[in-house]
Every structure is written in C-alpha cells, then in structure tokens.
Amino acid sequence: MQFKSHARSLALVLSLVLVAGCSSRGGTQDGSMDGTNGGAAGTGVSGTGQVSGTGTGTNGDRAGQQADGRIPEVRIIYFDFDRDNIRSEFESVLVAHARYLRSNGNARVVLQGHTDERGTREYNMALGERRANSVKRFLEVQGVSPSQLEVVSYGEERPAVRGHNDAAYDQNRRVVFAY
C-alpha cells in the first residue's frame, strides 16, 4: 500500500517536472524556437531527416492544427532506437492533438505503438506499448480525458516501410494517431 502512494507521488512529481520543463524554454509565442512557426521551413522533420508531414496548417497554424477545428494533419511521431521518450521536435504535434481533443470531447483516438524489426516479438510488443503510453501520459498532462485515449501496440507486426536498413527502421519506430 505504501508503495502505491510513493508511485503516485513520483508520477505526480514527474508530470510536474515535465510541464515545468516544457514551459520554461525560450522561443516565440507560437512555440517554435526559430521563428518559423513550427519547424524547418514549415515541415515536421524528425531528427532522422525523415519528413513526418506538414508542420503547419493551411493558415499557418501550429503543428497542423486547422483553424476550423479539424484533426491535426501530422498524425505520426517518431522515436529513437530502443527508446520510449518523446523527442522535443514532436512536442508541438502532441500539443496540437491535445488541443483538438480538449476542444472535441466526443473525439476518440487510438495511439498505435510500433517498433522496427530488431528485438524479439515480445520485447517489441512491450516497447510499442511503452511508446504509446508515453504519448498518452503527455496528452493527459495537457488536460485530455483518459476516456478519449486508447493504447494499442503492434510491435514490429505492421511496418510502415519494409527493409533492413536504418532508413526503414527510422520510419517504423513510431506512434500513429488513429482517429
């Protein structure tokens, strides 16, 4: 019983640290660090050089969030090898999805966790679930209701790109927002 209260306290402290860390960075009012309103020349480019979609909506809105309340355009975020932490370049994408979900209380999303083919099937299923749960926790900290979120792991079973090289692996380590 005492372990549960310590675990809850730790989760609360980590959530507060995440929020404090995210809000203490510099940058422009729109959240970008370089004044380009959401990424390199308006694209959501991952650190691997793979383009994940447009970073701005048709009216220059952040991370693909449409002015008319449509689902954000960027629906995939990518992860580093064997990691489940959210990369900083995808925080604006997650904030846009959180904003959409908060504004549309009836909307539901399935967070689909994926991995590359390296590792055992069991390990990759667990890693895909950890990645999806990282996104879920981020969205909940942003005020999204847990009832709007569902987590599914596909592990290595549904690759976005077939291949046995780093370019393919980079595209397969992802979480997909399935509305």
N, C-alpha and C. Protein backbone atom coordinates (compact mmCIF):
# COMPACT_ATOMS: atom_id res chain seq x y z
N MET A 1 0.83 -1.19 0.00
CA MET A 1 0.00 0.00 0.00
C MET A 1 0.88 1.26 0.00
N GLN A 2 1.97 1.21 0.80
CA GLN A 2 2.85 2.36 0.87
C GLN A 2 3.55 2.57 -0.48
N PHE A 3 3.85 1.47 -1.18
CA PHE A 3 4.49 1.56 -2.48
C PHE A 3 3.60 2.31 -3.48
N LYS A 4 2.29 2.05 -3.43
CA LYS A 4 1.37 2.74 -4.34
C LYS A 4 1.37 4.24 -4.12
N SER A 5 1.40 4.66 -2.87
CA SER A 5 1.40 6.10 -2.61
C SER A 5 2.71 6.73 -3.06
N HIS A 6 3.81 6.00 -2.90
CA HIS A 6 5.09 6.53 -3.39
C HIS A 6 5.10 6.59 -4.91
N ALA A 7 4.55 5.57 -5.55
CA ALA A 7 4.49 5.56 -7.01
C ALA A 7 3.62 6.69 -7.53
N ARG A 8 2.49 6.92 -6.87
CA ARG A 8 1.61 8.03 -7.27
C ARG A 8 2.31 9.37 -7.09
N SER A 9 2.98 9.53 -5.97
CA SER A 9 3.71 10.77 -5.72
C SER A 9 4.80 10.98 -6.76
N LEU A 10 5.52 9.92 -7.09
CA LEU A 10 6.57 10.01 -8.08
C LEU A 10 5.98 10.39 -9.44
N ALA A 11 4.87 9.78 -9.83
CA ALA A 11 4.22 10.09 -11.09
C ALA A 11 3.79 11.56 -11.13
N LEU A 12 3.25 12.05 -10.03
CA LEU A 12 2.82 13.44 -9.96
C LEU A 12 4.02 14.38 -10.09
N VAL A 13 5.10 14.07 -9.38
CA VAL A 13 6.29 14.91 -9.44
C VAL A 13 6.87 14.90 -10.85
N LEU A 14 6.95 13.73 -11.49
CA LEU A 14 7.48 13.66 -12.85
C LEU A 14 6.61 14.44 -13.83
N SER A 15 5.28 14.37 -13.64
CA SER A 15 4.39 15.13 -14.51
C SER A 15 4.62 16.63 -14.35
N LEU A 16 4.79 17.07 -13.11
CA LEU A 16 5.03 18.49 -12.86
C LEU A 16 6.37 18.93 -13.44
N VAL A 17 7.38 18.07 -13.32
CA VAL A 17 8.68 18.39 -13.88
C VAL A 17 8.58 18.51 -15.41
N LEU A 18 7.84 17.60 -16.02
CA LEU A 18 7.66 17.64 -17.48
C LEU A 18 6.98 18.94 -17.89
N VAL A 19 5.93 19.30 -17.20
CA VAL A 19 5.21 20.53 -17.53
C VAL A 19 6.10 21.74 -17.30
N ALA A 20 6.81 21.77 -16.18
CA ALA A 20 7.68 22.90 -15.88
C ALA A 20 8.81 23.00 -16.90
N GLY A 21 9.36 21.87 -17.28
CA GLY A 21 10.45 21.86 -18.26
C GLY A 21 9.98 22.31 -19.62
N CYS A 22 8.78 21.91 -20.00
CA CYS A 22 8.26 22.30 -21.31
C CYS A 22 7.94 23.78 -21.36
N SER A 23 7.51 24.34 -20.26
CA SER A 23 7.09 25.73 -20.28
C SER A 23 8.23 26.70 -20.03
N SER A 24 9.41 26.19 -19.66
CA SER A 24 10.49 27.10 -19.32
C SER A 24 11.44 27.38 -20.46
N ARG A 25 11.21 26.78 -21.63
CA ARG A 25 12.10 27.04 -22.75
C ARG A 25 11.75 28.36 -23.41
N GLY A 26 12.73 28.89 -24.11
CA GLY A 26 12.52 30.13 -24.85
C GLY A 26 11.77 29.84 -26.13
N GLY A 27 11.78 30.82 -27.00
CA GLY A 27 11.12 30.62 -28.29
C GLY A 27 10.09 31.70 -28.53
N THR A 28 9.42 31.59 -29.64
CA THR A 28 8.42 32.58 -29.99
C THR A 28 7.10 32.23 -29.33
N GLN A 29 6.15 33.11 -29.44
CA GLN A 29 4.85 32.90 -28.83
C GLN A 29 4.15 31.68 -29.41
N ASP A 30 4.44 31.33 -30.67
CA ASP A 30 3.80 30.18 -31.29
C ASP A 30 4.44 28.86 -30.90
N GLY A 31 5.49 28.91 -30.07
CA GLY A 31 6.10 27.69 -29.58
C GLY A 31 7.32 27.24 -30.36
N SER A 32 7.60 27.88 -31.51
CA SER A 32 8.78 27.47 -32.26
C SER A 32 10.00 28.16 -31.70
N MET A 33 11.15 27.54 -31.90
CA MET A 33 12.38 28.08 -31.36
C MET A 33 13.07 29.01 -32.35
N ASP A 34 12.72 28.91 -33.63
CA ASP A 34 13.45 29.65 -34.64
C ASP A 34 12.61 30.69 -35.38
N GLY A 35 11.37 30.89 -34.96
CA GLY A 35 10.52 31.88 -35.58
C GLY A 35 9.88 31.44 -36.88
N THR A 36 9.99 30.16 -37.24
CA THR A 36 9.41 29.69 -38.49
C THR A 36 8.01 29.17 -38.31
N ASN A 37 7.44 29.34 -37.12
CA ASN A 37 6.06 28.93 -36.86
C ASN A 37 5.89 27.42 -37.00
N GLY A 38 6.81 26.64 -36.41
CA GLY A 38 6.57 25.21 -36.32
C GLY A 38 7.46 24.32 -37.14
N GLY A 39 8.74 24.54 -37.16
CA GLY A 39 9.60 23.55 -37.80
C GLY A 39 10.39 24.14 -38.94
N ALA A 40 11.25 23.31 -39.51
CA ALA A 40 12.13 23.73 -40.58
C ALA A 40 11.31 24.00 -41.84
N ALA A 41 11.24 25.25 -42.19
CA ALA A 41 10.50 25.68 -43.38
C ALA A 41 9.08 25.14 -43.40
N GLY A 42 8.47 25.03 -42.20
CA GLY A 42 7.07 24.63 -42.12
C GLY A 42 6.84 23.14 -42.22
N THR A 43 7.87 22.32 -42.08
CA THR A 43 7.67 20.88 -42.13
C THR A 43 8.00 20.27 -40.79
N GLY A 44 7.32 19.17 -40.45
CA GLY A 44 7.63 18.43 -39.24
C GLY A 44 8.72 17.43 -39.59
N VAL A 45 9.97 17.82 -39.44
CA VAL A 45 11.07 16.95 -39.82
C VAL A 45 11.63 16.32 -38.57
N SER A 46 11.74 15.02 -38.56
CA SER A 46 12.31 14.34 -37.42
C SER A 46 13.82 14.47 -37.47
N GLY A 47 14.46 14.16 -36.36
CA GLY A 47 15.90 14.23 -36.27
C GLY A 47 16.59 13.26 -37.21
N THR A 48 15.89 12.33 -37.77
CA THR A 48 16.48 11.35 -38.67
C THR A 48 16.47 11.83 -40.11
N GLY A 49 15.93 13.02 -40.36
CA GLY A 49 15.85 13.52 -41.72
C GLY A 49 14.61 13.04 -42.46
N GLN A 50 13.74 12.33 -41.79
CA GLN A 50 12.53 11.83 -42.43
C GLN A 50 11.41 12.83 -42.20
N VAL A 51 10.72 13.18 -43.25
CA VAL A 51 9.64 14.14 -43.14
C VAL A 51 8.41 13.42 -42.62
N SER A 52 7.82 13.98 -41.55
CA SER A 52 6.68 13.33 -40.93
C SER A 52 5.36 13.95 -41.34
N GLY A 53 5.38 14.96 -42.17
CA GLY A 53 4.16 15.62 -42.59
C GLY A 53 4.34 17.12 -42.49
N THR A 54 3.35 17.86 -42.87
CA THR A 54 3.48 19.30 -42.80
C THR A 54 3.39 19.75 -41.36
N GLY A 55 4.15 20.76 -41.03
CA GLY A 55 4.18 21.25 -39.67
C GLY A 55 3.18 22.37 -39.43
N THR A 56 2.63 22.92 -40.48
CA THR A 56 1.66 23.97 -40.29
C THR A 56 0.42 23.68 -41.10
N GLY A 57 -0.68 24.23 -40.65
CA GLY A 57 -1.94 24.06 -41.37
C GLY A 57 -2.01 25.01 -42.54
N THR A 58 -3.14 25.05 -43.19
CA THR A 58 -3.28 25.87 -44.39
C THR A 58 -3.22 27.35 -44.06
N ASN A 59 -3.51 27.73 -42.85
CA ASN A 59 -3.47 29.13 -42.47
C ASN A 59 -2.28 29.44 -41.58
N GLY A 60 -1.25 28.58 -41.59
CA GLY A 60 -0.08 28.84 -40.78
C GLY A 60 -0.26 28.43 -39.33
N ASP A 61 -1.25 27.62 -39.02
CA ASP A 61 -1.47 27.21 -37.65
C ASP A 61 -0.42 26.22 -37.22
N ARG A 62 -0.17 26.14 -35.92
CA ARG A 62 0.87 25.29 -35.39
C ARG A 62 0.58 23.81 -35.56
N ALA A 63 1.64 23.06 -35.89
CA ALA A 63 1.66 21.60 -35.91
C ALA A 63 0.46 21.00 -36.64
N GLY A 64 -0.02 21.68 -37.66
CA GLY A 64 -1.09 21.11 -38.46
C GLY A 64 -2.47 21.29 -37.87
N GLN A 65 -2.60 22.01 -36.77
CA GLN A 65 -3.93 22.24 -36.19
C GLN A 65 -4.68 23.20 -37.10
N GLN A 66 -5.79 22.79 -37.59
CA GLN A 66 -6.57 23.58 -38.52
C GLN A 66 -7.39 24.63 -37.78
N ALA A 67 -7.57 25.78 -38.41
CA ALA A 67 -8.33 26.86 -37.81
C ALA A 67 -9.79 26.47 -37.62
N ASP A 68 -10.30 25.55 -38.44
CA ASP A 68 -11.70 25.17 -38.33
C ASP A 68 -11.93 23.99 -37.39
N GLY A 69 -10.92 23.62 -36.59
CA GLY A 69 -11.09 22.57 -35.59
C GLY A 69 -10.94 21.16 -36.13
N ARG A 70 -10.39 21.01 -37.33
CA ARG A 70 -10.17 19.67 -37.87
C ARG A 70 -9.02 18.98 -37.14
N ILE A 71 -8.95 17.67 -37.30
CA ILE A 71 -7.88 16.88 -36.71
C ILE A 71 -6.54 17.37 -37.25
N PRO A 72 -5.53 17.49 -36.39
CA PRO A 72 -4.21 17.93 -36.87
C PRO A 72 -3.69 17.03 -38.00
N GLU A 73 -3.00 17.65 -38.94
CA GLU A 73 -2.51 16.93 -40.12
C GLU A 73 -1.43 15.91 -39.79
N VAL A 74 -0.51 16.28 -38.91
CA VAL A 74 0.60 15.38 -38.56
C VAL A 74 0.06 14.37 -37.56
N ARG A 75 0.04 13.10 -37.96
CA ARG A 75 -0.55 12.07 -37.11
C ARG A 75 0.43 10.96 -36.77
N ILE A 76 1.70 11.20 -37.00
CA ILE A 76 2.74 10.22 -36.66
C ILE A 76 3.88 10.95 -35.98
N ILE A 77 4.36 10.37 -34.87
CA ILE A 77 5.59 10.86 -34.26
C ILE A 77 6.57 9.70 -34.21
N TYR A 78 7.85 10.03 -34.26
CA TYR A 78 8.89 9.02 -34.36
C TYR A 78 9.75 8.98 -33.09
N PHE A 79 10.37 7.84 -32.87
CA PHE A 79 11.17 7.60 -31.67
C PHE A 79 12.57 7.14 -32.04
N ASP A 80 13.51 7.35 -31.12
CA ASP A 80 14.86 6.86 -31.29
C ASP A 80 14.90 5.36 -31.02
N PHE A 81 15.97 4.72 -31.45
CA PHE A 81 16.13 3.28 -31.29
C PHE A 81 16.04 2.88 -29.82
N ASP A 82 15.18 1.90 -29.54
CA ASP A 82 15.03 1.31 -28.21
C ASP A 82 14.65 2.32 -27.14
N ARG A 83 13.96 3.39 -27.53
CA ARG A 83 13.57 4.44 -26.59
C ARG A 83 12.07 4.67 -26.65
N ASP A 84 11.51 5.15 -25.52
CA ASP A 84 10.09 5.49 -25.50
C ASP A 84 9.86 6.93 -25.08
N ASN A 85 10.93 7.72 -24.98
CA ASN A 85 10.75 9.12 -24.61
C ASN A 85 10.39 9.95 -25.84
N ILE A 86 9.58 10.96 -25.62
CA ILE A 86 9.09 11.82 -26.70
C ILE A 86 10.18 12.82 -27.07
N ARG A 87 10.50 12.86 -28.33
CA ARG A 87 11.53 13.78 -28.80
C ARG A 87 10.96 15.19 -28.84
N SER A 88 11.80 16.17 -28.52
CA SER A 88 11.34 17.56 -28.39
C SER A 88 10.73 18.10 -29.67
N GLU A 89 11.19 17.64 -30.84
CA GLU A 89 10.63 18.19 -32.08
C GLU A 89 9.18 17.78 -32.31
N PHE A 90 8.68 16.80 -31.54
CA PHE A 90 7.30 16.35 -31.70
C PHE A 90 6.37 16.88 -30.62
N GLU A 91 6.89 17.67 -29.68
CA GLU A 91 6.03 18.19 -28.62
C GLU A 91 4.93 19.09 -29.18
N SER A 92 5.24 19.90 -30.19
CA SER A 92 4.20 20.79 -30.75
C SER A 92 3.11 19.98 -31.44
N VAL A 93 3.47 18.84 -32.02
CA VAL A 93 2.48 17.96 -32.63
C VAL A 93 1.54 17.43 -31.55
N LEU A 94 2.11 16.99 -30.43
CA LEU A 94 1.30 16.46 -29.34
C LEU A 94 0.43 17.53 -28.71
N VAL A 95 0.95 18.74 -28.60
CA VAL A 95 0.16 19.84 -28.06
C VAL A 95 -1.03 20.14 -28.97
N ALA A 96 -0.83 20.08 -30.29
CA ALA A 96 -1.92 20.30 -31.23
C ALA A 96 -2.99 19.22 -31.09
N HIS A 97 -2.58 17.97 -30.93
CA HIS A 97 -3.55 16.89 -30.74
C HIS A 97 -4.29 17.06 -29.41
N ALA A 98 -3.57 17.47 -28.37
CA ALA A 98 -4.21 17.71 -27.08
C ALA A 98 -5.24 18.82 -27.19
N ARG A 99 -4.89 19.88 -27.89
CA ARG A 99 -5.81 21.00 -28.07
C ARG A 99 -7.07 20.53 -28.81
N TYR A 100 -6.88 19.73 -29.87
CA TYR A 100 -8.02 19.22 -30.63
C TYR A 100 -8.90 18.34 -29.75
N LEU A 101 -8.29 17.42 -29.00
CA LEU A 101 -9.07 16.51 -28.17
C LEU A 101 -9.79 17.23 -27.03
N ARG A 102 -9.16 18.23 -26.44
CA ARG A 102 -9.83 19.01 -25.39
C ARG A 102 -11.02 19.77 -25.96
N SER A 103 -10.88 20.27 -27.17
CA SER A 103 -11.95 21.05 -27.80
C SER A 103 -13.08 20.17 -28.32
N ASN A 104 -12.81 18.90 -28.53
CA ASN A 104 -13.79 17.97 -29.08
C ASN A 104 -13.92 16.78 -28.14
N GLY A 105 -14.70 16.98 -27.10
CA GLY A 105 -14.83 15.97 -26.04
C GLY A 105 -15.36 14.63 -26.49
N ASN A 106 -16.04 14.58 -27.61
CA ASN A 106 -16.55 13.30 -28.12
C ASN A 106 -15.55 12.58 -29.00
N ALA A 107 -14.45 13.23 -29.35
CA ALA A 107 -13.43 12.61 -30.21
C ALA A 107 -12.67 11.55 -29.41
N ARG A 108 -12.33 10.48 -30.09
CA ARG A 108 -11.54 9.39 -29.50
C ARG A 108 -10.36 9.12 -30.43
N VAL A 109 -9.25 8.71 -29.85
CA VAL A 109 -8.08 8.38 -30.66
C VAL A 109 -7.44 7.10 -30.13
N VAL A 110 -6.99 6.27 -31.04
CA VAL A 110 -6.21 5.09 -30.68
C VAL A 110 -4.76 5.42 -30.95
N LEU A 111 -3.93 5.29 -29.93
CA LEU A 111 -2.50 5.54 -30.05
C LEU A 111 -1.83 4.20 -30.36
N GLN A 112 -1.36 4.06 -31.60
CA GLN A 112 -0.81 2.80 -32.07
C GLN A 112 0.71 2.83 -31.98
N GLY A 113 1.27 2.02 -31.09
CA GLY A 113 2.71 1.96 -30.91
C GLY A 113 3.34 0.93 -31.84
N HIS A 114 4.44 1.33 -32.48
CA HIS A 114 5.14 0.47 -33.43
C HIS A 114 6.63 0.47 -33.14
N THR A 115 7.32 -0.57 -33.61
CA THR A 115 8.78 -0.67 -33.47
C THR A 115 9.37 -1.12 -34.80
N ASP A 116 10.71 -1.09 -34.87
CA ASP A 116 11.35 -1.71 -36.02
C ASP A 116 11.48 -3.21 -35.73
N GLU A 117 12.05 -3.94 -36.64
CA GLU A 117 12.07 -5.40 -36.55
C GLU A 117 13.14 -5.96 -35.61
N ARG A 118 14.04 -5.12 -35.13
CA ARG A 118 15.10 -5.61 -34.26
C ARG A 118 14.55 -5.92 -32.88
N GLY A 119 14.97 -7.01 -32.29
CA GLY A 119 14.48 -7.43 -30.98
C GLY A 119 13.46 -8.54 -31.12
N THR A 120 13.14 -9.15 -29.99
CA THR A 120 12.17 -10.25 -30.02
C THR A 120 10.76 -9.69 -30.20
N ARG A 121 9.86 -10.53 -30.63
CA ARG A 121 8.47 -10.12 -30.80
C ARG A 121 7.89 -9.61 -29.49
N GLU A 122 8.14 -10.31 -28.41
CA GLU A 122 7.61 -9.93 -27.10
C GLU A 122 8.17 -8.58 -26.65
N TYR A 123 9.49 -8.40 -26.82
CA TYR A 123 10.11 -7.14 -26.43
C TYR A 123 9.52 -5.99 -27.23
N ASN A 124 9.35 -6.19 -28.54
CA ASN A 124 8.83 -5.13 -29.39
C ASN A 124 7.37 -4.80 -29.09
N MET A 125 6.59 -5.80 -28.71
CA MET A 125 5.20 -5.51 -28.31
C MET A 125 5.19 -4.61 -27.06
N ALA A 126 6.07 -4.93 -26.11
CA ALA A 126 6.15 -4.12 -24.89
C ALA A 126 6.68 -2.73 -25.19
N LEU A 127 7.68 -2.61 -26.06
CA LEU A 127 8.23 -1.30 -26.42
C LEU A 127 7.19 -0.45 -27.14
N GLY A 128 6.44 -1.04 -28.06
CA GLY A 128 5.38 -0.30 -28.74
C GLY A 128 4.34 0.21 -27.76
N GLU A 129 4.02 -0.61 -26.76
CA GLU A 129 3.06 -0.18 -25.74
C GLU A 129 3.64 0.95 -24.88
N ARG A 130 4.92 0.86 -24.53
CA ARG A 130 5.55 1.93 -23.74
C ARG A 130 5.54 3.24 -24.53
N ARG A 131 5.81 3.17 -25.82
CA ARG A 131 5.80 4.39 -26.65
C ARG A 131 4.40 5.01 -26.69
N ALA A 132 3.40 4.19 -26.91
CA ALA A 132 2.02 4.70 -26.96
C ALA A 132 1.61 5.26 -25.60
N ASN A 133 2.03 4.60 -24.52
CA ASN A 133 1.71 5.10 -23.17
C ASN A 133 2.43 6.40 -22.86
N SER A 134 3.63 6.60 -23.41
CA SER A 134 4.32 7.89 -23.24
C SER A 134 3.51 9.02 -23.86
N VAL A 135 2.98 8.77 -25.05
CA VAL A 135 2.14 9.77 -25.72
C VAL A 135 0.86 9.99 -24.91
N LYS A 136 0.27 8.92 -24.43
CA LYS A 136 -0.96 9.02 -23.64
C LYS A 136 -0.72 9.87 -22.39
N ARG A 137 0.37 9.61 -21.68
CA ARG A 137 0.68 10.40 -20.48
C ARG A 137 0.87 11.87 -20.82
N PHE A 138 1.57 12.16 -21.91
CA PHE A 138 1.78 13.54 -22.33
C PHE A 138 0.44 14.23 -22.57
N LEU A 139 -0.45 13.55 -23.30
CA LEU A 139 -1.76 14.14 -23.60
C LEU A 139 -2.59 14.35 -22.34
N GLU A 140 -2.51 13.41 -21.41
CA GLU A 140 -3.26 13.55 -20.15
C GLU A 140 -2.74 14.73 -19.34
N VAL A 141 -1.42 14.93 -19.32
CA VAL A 141 -0.85 16.08 -18.62
C VAL A 141 -1.34 17.38 -19.25
N GLN A 142 -1.59 17.34 -20.57
CA GLN A 142 -2.10 18.52 -21.28
C GLN A 142 -3.61 18.72 -21.08
N GLY A 143 -4.25 17.84 -20.32
CA GLY A 143 -5.66 18.02 -19.99
C GLY A 143 -6.64 17.17 -20.79
N VAL A 144 -6.14 16.23 -21.57
CA VAL A 144 -7.02 15.35 -22.34
C VAL A 144 -7.59 14.29 -21.40
N SER A 145 -8.87 14.00 -21.54
CA SER A 145 -9.52 12.99 -20.72
C SER A 145 -9.01 11.60 -21.09
N PRO A 146 -8.65 10.79 -20.10
CA PRO A 146 -8.21 9.42 -20.39
C PRO A 146 -9.25 8.60 -21.15
N SER A 147 -10.52 8.96 -21.01
CA SER A 147 -11.57 8.21 -21.71
C SER A 147 -11.53 8.44 -23.22
N GLN A 148 -10.79 9.45 -23.68
CA GLN A 148 -10.66 9.73 -25.10
C GLN A 148 -9.50 8.97 -25.73
N LEU A 149 -8.69 8.30 -24.91
CA LEU A 149 -7.44 7.70 -25.38
C LEU A 149 -7.45 6.20 -25.21
N GLU A 150 -6.99 5.51 -26.24
CA GLU A 150 -6.81 4.06 -26.18
C GLU A 150 -5.42 3.74 -26.69
N VAL A 151 -4.76 2.79 -26.04
CA VAL A 151 -3.40 2.40 -26.41
C VAL A 151 -3.42 1.01 -27.00
N VAL A 152 -2.73 0.85 -28.14
CA VAL A 152 -2.57 -0.45 -28.79
C VAL A 152 -1.12 -0.55 -29.23
N SER A 153 -0.54 -1.74 -29.07
CA SER A 153 0.81 -1.97 -29.57
C SER A 153 0.77 -3.01 -30.68
N TYR A 154 1.43 -2.67 -31.78
CA TYR A 154 1.59 -3.61 -32.87
C TYR A 154 3.02 -4.13 -32.96
N GLY A 155 3.89 -3.58 -32.10
CA GLY A 155 5.28 -4.02 -32.14
C GLY A 155 5.85 -3.88 -33.54
N GLU A 156 6.46 -4.97 -34.03
CA GLU A 156 7.07 -4.97 -35.35
C GLU A 156 6.13 -5.50 -36.43
N GLU A 157 4.87 -5.81 -36.05
CA GLU A 157 3.97 -6.53 -36.94
C GLU A 157 3.43 -5.71 -38.11
N ARG A 158 3.41 -4.39 -38.01
CA ARG A 158 2.86 -3.56 -39.09
C ARG A 158 3.86 -2.47 -39.48
N PRO A 159 4.91 -2.85 -40.19
CA PRO A 159 5.92 -1.84 -40.55
C PRO A 159 5.36 -0.83 -41.56
N ALA A 160 5.78 0.41 -41.42
CA ALA A 160 5.40 1.44 -42.39
C ALA A 160 6.24 1.27 -43.66
N VAL A 161 7.48 0.82 -43.48
CA VAL A 161 8.42 0.65 -44.59
C VAL A 161 9.09 -0.70 -44.42
N ARG A 162 9.11 -1.47 -45.48
CA ARG A 162 9.82 -2.75 -45.44
C ARG A 162 11.27 -2.52 -45.79
N GLY A 163 12.16 -3.18 -45.08
CA GLY A 163 13.58 -3.03 -45.37
C GLY A 163 14.40 -3.38 -44.15
N HIS A 164 15.66 -3.59 -44.37
CA HIS A 164 16.57 -3.97 -43.29
C HIS A 164 17.71 -2.97 -43.21
N ASN A 165 17.35 -1.70 -43.18
CA ASN A 165 18.36 -0.64 -43.10
C ASN A 165 17.86 0.46 -42.17
N ASP A 166 18.76 1.40 -41.86
CA ASP A 166 18.42 2.45 -40.90
C ASP A 166 17.26 3.32 -41.38
N ALA A 167 17.17 3.58 -42.67
CA ALA A 167 16.08 4.42 -43.18
C ALA A 167 14.73 3.76 -42.91
N ALA A 168 14.64 2.46 -43.12
CA ALA A 168 13.39 1.75 -42.85
C ALA A 168 13.12 1.70 -41.35
N TYR A 169 14.15 1.41 -40.58
CA TYR A 169 13.98 1.32 -39.13
C TYR A 169 13.49 2.65 -38.55
N ASP A 170 14.05 3.77 -39.06
CA ASP A 170 13.66 5.10 -38.56
C ASP A 170 12.17 5.35 -38.76
N GLN A 171 11.62 4.92 -39.89
CA GLN A 171 10.21 5.16 -40.19
C GLN A 171 9.29 4.23 -39.41
N ASN A 172 9.80 3.10 -38.96
CA ASN A 172 8.97 2.11 -38.27
C ASN A 172 8.87 2.35 -36.77
N ARG A 173 9.77 3.11 -36.19
CA ARG A 173 9.73 3.40 -34.75
C ARG A 173 8.82 4.61 -34.55
N ARG A 174 7.52 4.34 -34.28
CA ARG A 174 6.55 5.44 -34.32
C ARG A 174 5.34 5.16 -33.45
N VAL A 175 4.58 6.24 -33.22
CA VAL A 175 3.21 6.14 -32.68
C VAL A 175 2.32 6.86 -33.68
N VAL A 176 1.24 6.18 -34.05
CA VAL A 176 0.28 6.72 -35.01
C VAL A 176 -0.99 7.12 -34.27
N PHE A 177 -1.50 8.30 -34.57
CA PHE A 177 -2.79 8.77 -34.04
C PHE A 177 -3.87 8.29 -34.99
N ALA A 178 -4.70 7.35 -34.57
CA ALA A 178 -5.77 6.81 -35.41
C ALA A 178 -7.12 7.28 -34.86
N TYR A 179 -7.69 8.30 -35.51
CA TYR A 179 -8.99 8.84 -35.09
C TYR A 179 -10.12 8.06 -35.70
